[in-house]
């Protein structure tokens, strides 16, 4: 691949919003799937009675809290994957110390 070939843009060339979307969008989808699976078998009111009986939570709040918990876990997983897939050459250039010409 040549330097002028634009088929593989580096991660530095991608805007921040595109990188955030690549992390948050798949995690949003999988959080929705995980919520559907969980709440197909468990009612939020029953989970509320087991976990936090002193709190006043509605069924809708239970669905929302469950979804947000799943979204945070899947977003952390997507972020970890993004960290591991970054280009090594770009990372090495970012962490390289500038050389002092006087030495």
Foldseek 3Di string as FASTA:
>chain_A
DDPPDPPDDAPVPDDPVVVLCQLQVVLLVVLVVVLCVVCVPDQLVVVCCVPPVPDDDDSVRSSVVSSVVSSVVSSVVSVVVVVVPHDPVVVCVVPDDDDDPVD
